[in-house]
């Protein structure tokens, strides 16, 4: 937010655009990998190409699996993980309870869904 002088919404929008660009780049590189290897002088047999496709598919699945684990493991959201995964709403609490002249309240933050294309 500080780096790009933006608010929360602008930061989330930047992350969504950055994610889309990274995803597009990964998919293009993955699609062209056998060609790039051959161009670099590496022999790519049909068996190697099949293994390469499997490896890249597993790499591509890793972020999604990590996302699912974040909500299902209980580490970050306790027993509310699946509900938070569905609603994308997280209640934040103050880090420390301090005596302030004003009243503290809970804040609900909406986490936008990012469409994967």
N, C-alpha and C. Protein backbone atom coordinates (compact mmCIF):
# COMPACT_ATOMS: atom_id res chain seq x y z
N UNK A 1 0.83 -1.18 0.00
CA UNK A 1 0.00 0.00 0.00
C UNK A 1 0.88 1.25 0.00
N UNK A 2 1.96 1.19 0.78
CA UNK A 2 2.85 2.35 0.83
C UNK A 2 3.61 2.50 -0.49
N UNK A 3 4.09 1.38 -1.01
CA UNK A 3 4.90 1.42 -2.23
C UNK A 3 4.14 2.05 -3.40
N UNK A 4 2.87 1.72 -3.53
CA UNK A 4 2.08 2.21 -4.66
C UNK A 4 1.10 3.31 -4.26
N UNK A 5 1.24 3.83 -3.06
CA UNK A 5 0.38 4.89 -2.55
C UNK A 5 -1.10 4.59 -2.85
N UNK A 6 -1.57 3.49 -2.30
CA UNK A 6 -2.94 3.09 -2.56
C UNK A 6 -3.61 2.66 -1.25
N UNK A 7 -4.91 2.45 -1.32
CA UNK A 7 -5.66 1.99 -0.16
C UNK A 7 -5.79 0.46 -0.21
N UNK A 8 -6.55 -0.10 0.71
CA UNK A 8 -6.72 -1.55 0.81
C UNK A 8 -7.27 -2.12 -0.50
N UNK A 9 -8.31 -1.48 -1.03
CA UNK A 9 -8.93 -1.97 -2.26
C UNK A 9 -7.93 -1.95 -3.41
N UNK A 10 -7.19 -0.86 -3.53
CA UNK A 10 -6.18 -0.77 -4.58
C UNK A 10 -5.11 -1.84 -4.44
N UNK A 11 -4.73 -2.14 -3.20
CA UNK A 11 -3.72 -3.17 -2.96
C UNK A 11 -4.25 -4.55 -3.36
N UNK A 12 -5.49 -4.84 -3.01
CA UNK A 12 -6.08 -6.13 -3.37
C UNK A 12 -6.21 -6.23 -4.89
N UNK A 13 -6.59 -5.14 -5.54
CA UNK A 13 -6.69 -5.15 -7.00
C UNK A 13 -5.31 -5.37 -7.63
N UNK A 14 -4.26 -4.76 -7.05
CA UNK A 14 -2.91 -4.97 -7.57
C UNK A 14 -2.51 -6.43 -7.44
N UNK A 15 -2.79 -7.02 -6.28
CA UNK A 15 -2.45 -8.43 -6.06
C UNK A 15 -3.19 -9.32 -7.07
N UNK A 16 -4.46 -9.03 -7.32
CA UNK A 16 -5.24 -9.82 -8.28
C UNK A 16 -4.64 -9.71 -9.68
N UNK A 17 -4.28 -8.49 -10.10
CA UNK A 17 -3.66 -8.31 -11.43
C UNK A 17 -2.31 -9.02 -11.49
N UNK A 18 -1.52 -8.88 -10.43
CA UNK A 18 -0.20 -9.52 -10.39
C UNK A 18 -0.35 -11.04 -10.47
N UNK A 19 -1.31 -11.58 -9.74
CA UNK A 19 -1.58 -13.02 -9.77
C UNK A 19 -1.94 -13.47 -11.17
N UNK A 20 -2.82 -12.72 -11.84
CA UNK A 20 -3.24 -13.06 -13.20
C UNK A 20 -2.04 -13.05 -14.15
N UNK A 21 -1.18 -12.04 -14.02
CA UNK A 21 0.01 -11.98 -14.88
C UNK A 21 0.96 -13.13 -14.61
N UNK A 22 1.19 -13.47 -13.33
CA UNK A 22 2.05 -14.60 -12.99
C UNK A 22 1.47 -15.91 -13.52
N UNK A 23 0.17 -16.06 -13.38
CA UNK A 23 -0.50 -17.27 -13.85
C UNK A 23 -0.34 -17.40 -15.36
N UNK A 24 -0.60 -16.32 -16.08
CA UNK A 24 -0.48 -16.33 -17.54
C UNK A 24 0.96 -16.69 -17.95
N UNK A 25 1.93 -16.08 -17.28
CA UNK A 25 3.34 -16.33 -17.58
C UNK A 25 3.69 -17.80 -17.32
N UNK A 26 3.27 -18.33 -16.18
CA UNK A 26 3.55 -19.73 -15.84
C UNK A 26 2.96 -20.66 -16.89
N UNK A 27 1.71 -20.43 -17.27
CA UNK A 27 1.06 -21.31 -18.23
C UNK A 27 1.73 -21.25 -19.60
N UNK A 28 2.14 -20.06 -20.02
CA UNK A 28 2.86 -19.92 -21.29
C UNK A 28 4.20 -20.64 -21.25
N UNK A 29 4.95 -20.45 -20.16
CA UNK A 29 6.24 -21.13 -20.02
C UNK A 29 6.06 -22.65 -19.95
N UNK A 30 5.06 -23.09 -19.23
CA UNK A 30 4.81 -24.53 -19.11
C UNK A 30 4.45 -25.13 -20.47
N UNK A 31 3.62 -24.42 -21.23
CA UNK A 31 3.21 -24.90 -22.55
C UNK A 31 4.42 -25.00 -23.49
N UNK A 32 5.32 -24.01 -23.41
CA UNK A 32 6.46 -23.93 -24.33
C UNK A 32 7.71 -24.63 -23.82
N UNK A 33 7.68 -25.27 -22.67
CA UNK A 33 8.88 -25.84 -22.07
C UNK A 33 9.59 -26.85 -22.97
N UNK A 34 8.88 -27.83 -23.53
CA UNK A 34 9.60 -28.78 -24.40
C UNK A 34 10.27 -28.07 -25.59
N UNK A 35 9.59 -27.13 -26.17
CA UNK A 35 10.15 -26.37 -27.30
C UNK A 35 11.37 -25.58 -26.86
N UNK A 36 11.28 -24.92 -25.71
CA UNK A 36 12.41 -24.13 -25.19
C UNK A 36 13.62 -25.04 -24.90
N UNK A 37 13.36 -26.21 -24.37
CA UNK A 37 14.46 -27.14 -24.09
C UNK A 37 15.13 -27.59 -25.39
N UNK A 38 14.32 -27.95 -26.38
CA UNK A 38 14.88 -28.37 -27.67
C UNK A 38 15.69 -27.24 -28.29
N UNK A 39 15.16 -26.01 -28.18
CA UNK A 39 15.86 -24.85 -28.74
C UNK A 39 17.21 -24.64 -28.05
N UNK A 40 17.27 -25.03 -26.77
CA UNK A 40 18.52 -24.90 -26.01
C UNK A 40 19.45 -26.09 -26.24
N UNK A 41 19.04 -27.02 -27.12
CA UNK A 41 19.90 -28.16 -27.44
C UNK A 41 19.69 -29.38 -26.58
N UNK A 42 18.62 -29.41 -25.77
CA UNK A 42 18.35 -30.55 -24.90
C UNK A 42 17.46 -31.54 -25.65
N UNK A 43 17.89 -32.81 -25.64
CA UNK A 43 17.07 -33.86 -26.25
C UNK A 43 15.86 -34.14 -25.36
N UNK A 44 14.66 -34.07 -25.92
CA UNK A 44 13.43 -34.31 -25.15
C UNK A 44 12.69 -35.46 -25.80
N UNK A 45 12.78 -36.63 -25.17
CA UNK A 45 12.06 -37.80 -25.69
C UNK A 45 10.58 -37.67 -25.35
N UNK A 46 9.77 -38.52 -25.97
CA UNK A 46 8.33 -38.47 -25.67
C UNK A 46 8.08 -38.85 -24.20
N UNK A 47 8.90 -39.77 -23.68
CA UNK A 47 8.77 -40.15 -22.26
C UNK A 47 9.13 -38.96 -21.36
N UNK A 48 10.23 -38.28 -21.69
CA UNK A 48 10.64 -37.11 -20.91
C UNK A 48 9.58 -36.02 -20.98
N UNK A 49 9.03 -35.84 -22.16
CA UNK A 49 7.99 -34.81 -22.34
C UNK A 49 6.77 -35.14 -21.49
N UNK A 50 6.40 -36.41 -21.42
CA UNK A 50 5.27 -36.83 -20.58
C UNK A 50 5.58 -36.57 -19.10
N UNK A 51 6.79 -36.93 -18.66
CA UNK A 51 7.18 -36.70 -17.27
C UNK A 51 7.23 -35.21 -16.95
N UNK A 52 7.70 -34.44 -17.89
CA UNK A 52 7.75 -32.99 -17.73
C UNK A 52 6.35 -32.41 -17.56
N UNK A 53 5.41 -32.90 -18.39
CA UNK A 53 4.02 -32.44 -18.28
C UNK A 53 3.44 -32.77 -16.90
N UNK A 54 3.71 -33.97 -16.42
CA UNK A 54 3.23 -34.37 -15.09
C UNK A 54 3.81 -33.48 -14.00
N UNK A 55 5.11 -33.24 -14.07
CA UNK A 55 5.79 -32.42 -13.08
C UNK A 55 5.23 -31.00 -13.06
N UNK A 56 5.06 -30.42 -14.24
CA UNK A 56 4.53 -29.06 -14.34
C UNK A 56 3.09 -29.02 -13.83
N UNK A 57 2.30 -30.05 -14.12
CA UNK A 57 0.92 -30.10 -13.63
C UNK A 57 0.90 -30.12 -12.09
N UNK A 58 1.82 -30.88 -11.50
CA UNK A 58 1.89 -30.92 -10.04
C UNK A 58 2.36 -29.58 -9.47
N UNK A 59 3.31 -28.94 -10.13
CA UNK A 59 3.73 -27.60 -9.71
C UNK A 59 2.56 -26.62 -9.78
N UNK A 60 1.78 -26.72 -10.84
CA UNK A 60 0.64 -25.82 -11.02
C UNK A 60 -0.42 -26.05 -9.94
N UNK A 61 -0.54 -27.28 -9.48
CA UNK A 61 -1.53 -27.61 -8.46
C UNK A 61 -1.11 -27.17 -7.06
N UNK A 62 0.17 -26.97 -6.85
CA UNK A 62 0.71 -26.65 -5.53
C UNK A 62 0.05 -25.42 -4.90
N UNK A 63 -0.05 -24.27 -5.56
CA UNK A 63 -0.69 -23.12 -4.91
C UNK A 63 -2.13 -23.40 -4.51
N UNK A 64 -2.88 -24.13 -5.34
CA UNK A 64 -4.27 -24.44 -5.01
C UNK A 64 -4.34 -25.36 -3.80
N UNK A 65 -3.45 -26.33 -3.76
CA UNK A 65 -3.42 -27.25 -2.61
C UNK A 65 -3.05 -26.49 -1.34
N UNK A 66 -2.12 -25.56 -1.45
CA UNK A 66 -1.72 -24.77 -0.30
C UNK A 66 -2.89 -23.90 0.18
N UNK A 67 -3.63 -23.33 -0.76
CA UNK A 67 -4.81 -22.54 -0.40
C UNK A 67 -5.83 -23.39 0.36
N UNK A 68 -6.10 -24.59 -0.14
CA UNK A 68 -7.05 -25.48 0.53
C UNK A 68 -6.54 -25.84 1.93
N UNK A 69 -5.25 -26.14 2.06
CA UNK A 69 -4.68 -26.51 3.35
C UNK A 69 -4.83 -25.36 4.35
N UNK A 70 -4.64 -24.12 3.87
CA UNK A 70 -4.75 -22.96 4.74
C UNK A 70 -6.09 -22.93 5.46
N UNK A 71 -7.16 -23.25 4.75
CA UNK A 71 -8.49 -23.21 5.34
C UNK A 71 -8.85 -24.50 6.08
N UNK A 72 -8.35 -25.63 5.62
CA UNK A 72 -8.76 -26.92 6.18
C UNK A 72 -7.93 -27.36 7.39
N UNK A 73 -6.72 -26.85 7.55
CA UNK A 73 -5.82 -27.37 8.57
C UNK A 73 -6.15 -26.90 9.99
N UNK A 74 -6.82 -25.78 10.12
CA UNK A 74 -7.09 -25.24 11.43
C UNK A 74 -5.99 -24.33 11.94
N UNK A 75 -4.87 -24.28 11.24
CA UNK A 75 -3.74 -23.48 11.72
C UNK A 75 -4.06 -21.99 11.76
N UNK A 76 -4.70 -21.49 10.73
CA UNK A 76 -4.94 -20.06 10.65
C UNK A 76 -6.33 -19.63 11.10
N UNK A 77 -7.33 -20.46 10.88
CA UNK A 77 -8.71 -20.05 11.15
C UNK A 77 -9.42 -20.96 12.14
N UNK A 78 -8.68 -21.86 12.77
CA UNK A 78 -9.30 -22.76 13.74
C UNK A 78 -10.38 -23.62 13.09
N UNK A 79 -11.47 -23.80 13.81
CA UNK A 79 -12.56 -24.63 13.28
C UNK A 79 -13.49 -23.85 12.35
N UNK A 80 -13.18 -22.59 12.07
CA UNK A 80 -14.01 -21.76 11.19
C UNK A 80 -13.47 -21.68 9.77
N UNK A 81 -12.41 -22.43 9.47
CA UNK A 81 -11.74 -22.34 8.18
C UNK A 81 -12.62 -22.58 6.98
N UNK A 82 -13.44 -23.63 7.01
CA UNK A 82 -14.27 -23.94 5.86
C UNK A 82 -15.34 -22.87 5.63
N UNK A 83 -15.89 -22.33 6.72
CA UNK A 83 -16.88 -21.24 6.58
C UNK A 83 -16.21 -19.99 6.01
N UNK A 84 -15.01 -19.70 6.47
CA UNK A 84 -14.28 -18.53 5.96
C UNK A 84 -13.91 -18.74 4.50
N UNK A 85 -13.54 -19.96 4.15
CA UNK A 85 -13.22 -20.26 2.75
C UNK A 85 -14.44 -20.01 1.86
N UNK A 86 -15.60 -20.35 2.35
CA UNK A 86 -16.83 -20.17 1.56
C UNK A 86 -17.27 -18.71 1.50
N UNK A 87 -17.25 -18.03 2.62
CA UNK A 87 -17.77 -16.65 2.66
C UNK A 87 -16.72 -15.61 2.31
N UNK A 88 -15.43 -15.97 2.51
CA UNK A 88 -14.29 -15.06 2.33
C UNK A 88 -14.36 -13.87 3.29
N UNK A 89 -15.00 -14.05 4.44
CA UNK A 89 -15.10 -13.00 5.46
C UNK A 89 -14.32 -13.43 6.69
N UNK A 90 -13.44 -12.54 7.14
CA UNK A 90 -12.61 -12.82 8.31
C UNK A 90 -12.82 -11.70 9.31
N UNK A 91 -13.13 -12.07 10.55
CA UNK A 91 -13.24 -11.06 11.60
C UNK A 91 -11.86 -10.85 12.19
N UNK A 92 -11.43 -9.62 12.21
CA UNK A 92 -10.13 -9.32 12.79
C UNK A 92 -10.33 -8.81 14.21
N UNK A 93 -9.36 -9.09 15.03
CA UNK A 93 -9.40 -8.66 16.42
C UNK A 93 -8.16 -7.82 16.69
N UNK A 94 -8.23 -6.95 17.68
CA UNK A 94 -7.02 -6.20 18.03
C UNK A 94 -5.92 -7.15 18.51
N UNK A 95 -4.65 -6.80 18.24
CA UNK A 95 -3.54 -7.66 18.67
C UNK A 95 -3.46 -7.72 20.18
N UNK A 96 -3.64 -6.59 20.83
CA UNK A 96 -3.58 -6.53 22.29
C UNK A 96 -4.79 -5.75 22.79
N UNK A 97 -5.23 -6.15 23.94
CA UNK A 97 -6.29 -5.39 24.56
C UNK A 97 -5.64 -4.25 25.34
N UNK A 98 -5.99 -3.04 24.96
CA UNK A 98 -5.43 -1.86 25.63
C UNK A 98 -6.57 -0.95 26.06
N UNK A 99 -6.34 -0.20 27.07
CA UNK A 99 -7.35 0.75 27.53
C UNK A 99 -7.23 2.02 26.70
N UNK A 100 -8.22 2.22 25.86
CA UNK A 100 -8.27 3.42 25.02
C UNK A 100 -9.50 4.23 25.39
N UNK A 101 -9.45 5.53 25.19
CA UNK A 101 -10.62 6.34 25.50
C UNK A 101 -11.81 6.03 24.58
N UNK A 102 -11.56 5.43 23.42
CA UNK A 102 -12.68 5.10 22.52
C UNK A 102 -12.99 3.61 22.62
N UNK A 103 -14.17 3.23 22.17
CA UNK A 103 -14.61 1.84 22.26
C UNK A 103 -14.03 1.04 21.08
N UNK A 104 -13.49 -0.16 21.35
CA UNK A 104 -12.99 -1.02 20.29
C UNK A 104 -14.12 -1.90 19.79
N UNK A 105 -14.17 -2.12 18.49
CA UNK A 105 -15.17 -3.00 17.90
C UNK A 105 -14.49 -3.98 16.96
N UNK A 106 -15.17 -5.08 16.68
CA UNK A 106 -14.67 -6.05 15.71
C UNK A 106 -14.85 -5.47 14.32
N UNK A 107 -13.97 -5.83 13.43
CA UNK A 107 -14.04 -5.39 12.05
C UNK A 107 -14.13 -6.62 11.17
N UNK A 108 -15.01 -6.60 10.17
CA UNK A 108 -15.11 -7.69 9.22
C UNK A 108 -14.46 -7.25 7.92
N UNK A 109 -13.55 -8.08 7.43
CA UNK A 109 -12.84 -7.77 6.20
C UNK A 109 -13.29 -8.75 5.12
N UNK A 110 -13.66 -8.25 3.97
CA UNK A 110 -14.07 -9.11 2.87
C UNK A 110 -12.84 -9.40 2.00
N UNK A 111 -12.60 -10.68 1.74
CA UNK A 111 -11.50 -11.09 0.88
C UNK A 111 -12.09 -11.44 -0.47
N UNK A 112 -11.79 -10.67 -1.50
CA UNK A 112 -12.41 -10.93 -2.80
C UNK A 112 -11.90 -12.24 -3.42
N UNK A 113 -12.77 -12.89 -4.18
CA UNK A 113 -12.40 -14.10 -4.90
C UNK A 113 -11.65 -13.67 -6.16
N UNK A 114 -10.66 -14.41 -6.55
CA UNK A 114 -9.92 -14.15 -7.77
C UNK A 114 -10.30 -15.24 -8.76
N UNK A 115 -10.80 -14.85 -9.92
CA UNK A 115 -11.19 -15.82 -10.94
C UNK A 115 -9.95 -16.40 -11.59
N UNK A 116 -9.88 -17.70 -11.69
CA UNK A 116 -8.78 -18.37 -12.36
C UNK A 116 -9.27 -18.76 -13.74
N UNK A 117 -8.55 -18.32 -14.73
CA UNK A 117 -8.98 -18.57 -16.11
C UNK A 117 -8.12 -19.60 -16.78
